[in-house]
């Protein structure tokens, strides 16, 4: 995990741990922003790329707009479960 975090930082990305994601804004099936709660304060980060280490069901429930029950949203189509 450290190697991945280092690679993300070298590429100019941010690695946030221990942060509550309250929503993943994905209008038109494209990620556009993260809504976060940091120390109880709301924050928004604009982004078009995202790596999430959460179960697919958690990710799907966090998407804004929320997908219909039983539908795998396009945002989760590349998710691989081991």
C-alpha atoms as a PDB file:
ATOM      1  CA  UNK A   1       0.000   0.000   0.000  1.00  0.00           C
ATOM      2  CA  UNK A   2       2.881   2.381   0.723  1.00  0.00           C
ATOM      3  CA  UNK A   3       4.272   1.856  -2.792  1.00  0.00           C
ATOM      4  CA  UNK A   4       0.891   2.726  -4.306  1.00  0.00           C
ATOM      5  CA  UNK A   5       0.559   5.823  -2.125  1.00  0.00           C
ATOM      6  CA  UNK A   6       4.077   6.924  -3.087  1.00  0.00           C
ATOM      7  CA  UNK A   7       3.303   6.446  -6.800  1.00  0.00           C
ATOM      8  CA  UNK A   8       0.088   8.462  -6.484  1.00  0.00           C
ATOM      9  CA  UNK A   9       1.919  11.309  -4.750  1.00  0.00           C
ATOM     10  CA  UNK A  10       4.729  11.282  -7.344  1.00  0.00           C
ATOM     11  CA  UNK A  11       2.080  11.639 -10.054  1.00  0.00           C
ATOM     12  CA  UNK A  12       0.673  14.709  -8.274  1.00  0.00           C
ATOM     13  CA  UNK A  13      -2.247  12.981  -6.549  1.00  0.00           C
ATOM     14  CA  UNK A  14      -3.414  13.107  -2.964  1.00  0.00           C
ATOM     15  CA  UNK A  15      -3.763  10.180  -0.576  1.00  0.00           C
ATOM     16  CA  UNK A  16      -6.328  10.714   2.164  1.00  0.00           C
ATOM     17  CA  UNK A  17      -6.688   8.184   4.972  1.00  0.00           C
ATOM     18  CA  UNK A  18      -9.016   8.249   7.948  1.00  0.00           C
ATOM     19  CA  UNK A  19     -11.353  10.550   6.021  1.00  0.00           C
ATOM     20  CA  UNK A  20     -15.108  10.036   5.876  1.00  0.00           C
ATOM     21  CA  UNK A  21     -16.401  10.127   2.307  1.00  0.00           C
ATOM     22  CA  UNK A  22     -19.985  11.347   2.476  1.00  0.00           C
ATOM     23  CA  UNK A  23     -20.635  11.268  -1.283  1.00  0.00           C
ATOM     24  CA  UNK A  24     -18.974  10.557  -4.608  1.00  0.00           C
ATOM     25  CA  UNK A  25     -20.495  12.989  -7.085  1.00  0.00           C
ATOM     26  CA  UNK A  26     -20.884  11.182 -10.397  1.00  0.00           C
ATOM     27  CA  UNK A  27     -23.335  12.953 -12.664  1.00  0.00           C
ATOM     28  CA  UNK A  28     -23.550  11.437 -16.137  1.00  0.00           C
ATOM     29  CA  UNK A  29     -21.698   8.330 -14.844  1.00  0.00           C
ATOM     30  CA  UNK A  30     -18.406  10.263 -14.460  1.00  0.00           C
ATOM     31  CA  UNK A  31     -16.753  11.081 -11.128  1.00  0.00           C
ATOM     32  CA  UNK A  32     -16.574  14.848 -10.682  1.00  0.00           C
ATOM     33  CA  UNK A  33     -15.997  15.406  -6.959  1.00  0.00           C
ATOM     34  CA  UNK A  34     -15.699  13.864  -3.517  1.00  0.00           C
ATOM     35  CA  UNK A  35     -17.702  15.155  -0.589  1.00  0.00           C
ATOM     36  CA  UNK A  36     -15.782  14.588   2.647  1.00  0.00           C
ATOM     37  CA  UNK A  37     -16.112  15.113   6.356  1.00  0.00           C
ATOM     38  CA  UNK A  38     -12.783  16.034   7.964  1.00  0.00           C
ATOM     39  CA  UNK A  39     -12.892  16.539  11.731  1.00  0.00           C
ATOM     40  CA  UNK A  40     -16.646  17.044  11.390  1.00  0.00           C
ATOM     41  CA  UNK A  41     -16.292  19.782   8.769  1.00  0.00           C
ATOM     42  CA  UNK A  42     -17.579  19.323   5.189  1.00  0.00           C
ATOM     43  CA  UNK A  43     -15.070  19.540   2.341  1.00  0.00           C
ATOM     44  CA  UNK A  44     -15.329  19.066  -1.405  1.00  0.00           C
ATOM     45  CA  UNK A  45     -12.523  17.972  -3.728  1.00  0.00           C
ATOM     46  CA  UNK A  46     -12.969  18.177  -7.501  1.00  0.00           C
ATOM     47  CA  UNK A  47     -11.530  15.109  -9.246  1.00  0.00           C
ATOM     48  CA  UNK A  48     -11.994  12.990 -12.337  1.00  0.00           C
ATOM     49  CA  UNK A  49     -10.074   9.961 -11.037  1.00  0.00           C
ATOM     50  CA  UNK A  50     -10.481   8.002  -7.854  1.00  0.00           C
ATOM     51  CA  UNK A  51      -9.054   4.914  -6.141  1.00  0.00           C
ATOM     52  CA  UNK A  52     -11.290   3.555  -3.400  1.00  0.00           C
ATOM     53  CA  UNK A  53     -10.457   0.788  -0.940  1.00  0.00           C
ATOM     54  CA  UNK A  54     -14.032   0.037   0.075  1.00  0.00           C
ATOM     55  CA  UNK A  55     -16.402  -2.800  -0.830  1.00  0.00           C
ATOM     56  CA  UNK A  56     -18.331  -2.199  -4.096  1.00  0.00           C
ATOM     57  CA  UNK A  57     -21.665  -2.041  -2.234  1.00  0.00           C
ATOM     58  CA  UNK A  58     -20.379   0.768  -0.025  1.00  0.00           C
ATOM     59  CA  UNK A  59     -19.118   2.643  -3.082  1.00  0.00           C
ATOM     60  CA  UNK A  60     -22.461   2.217  -4.874  1.00  0.00           C
ATOM     61  CA  UNK A  61     -24.388   3.577  -1.862  1.00  0.00           C
ATOM     62  CA  UNK A  62     -22.055   6.584  -1.724  1.00  0.00           C
ATOM     63  CA  UNK A  63     -22.571   7.552  -5.379  1.00  0.00           C
ATOM     64  CA  UNK A  64     -24.523  10.703  -6.064  1.00  0.00           C
ATOM     65  CA  UNK A  65     -26.899  10.082  -7.772  1.00  0.00           C
ATOM     66  CA  UNK A  66     -27.563   6.748  -6.061  1.00  0.00           C
ATOM     67  CA  UNK A  67     -28.017   3.909  -8.588  1.00  0.00           C
ATOM     68  CA  UNK A  68     -31.220   1.883  -8.702  1.00  0.00           C
ATOM     69  CA  UNK A  69     -31.214  -1.276  -6.535  1.00  0.00           C
ATOM     70  CA  UNK A  70     -29.592  -4.238  -8.301  1.00  0.00           C
ATOM     71  CA  UNK A  71     -27.938  -2.059 -10.946  1.00  0.00           C
ATOM     72  CA  UNK A  72     -24.140  -1.994 -11.182  1.00  0.00           C
ATOM     73  CA  UNK A  73     -23.389   1.623 -12.012  1.00  0.00           C
ATOM     74  CA  UNK A  74     -20.831   2.309 -14.764  1.00  0.00           C
ATOM     75  CA  UNK A  75     -18.578   3.927 -12.152  1.00  0.00           C
ATOM     76  CA  UNK A  76     -18.175   0.504 -10.504  1.00  0.00           C
ATOM     77  CA  UNK A  77     -17.835  -1.518 -13.704  1.00  0.00           C
ATOM     78  CA  UNK A  78     -14.068  -1.824 -13.380  1.00  0.00           C
ATOM     79  CA  UNK A  79     -14.200  -3.033  -9.753  1.00  0.00           C
ATOM     80  CA  UNK A  80     -12.569  -6.421  -9.274  1.00  0.00           C
ATOM     81  CA  UNK A  81     -13.257  -8.527  -6.184  1.00  0.00           C
ATOM     82  CA  UNK A  82     -10.652 -10.993  -4.949  1.00  0.00           C
END
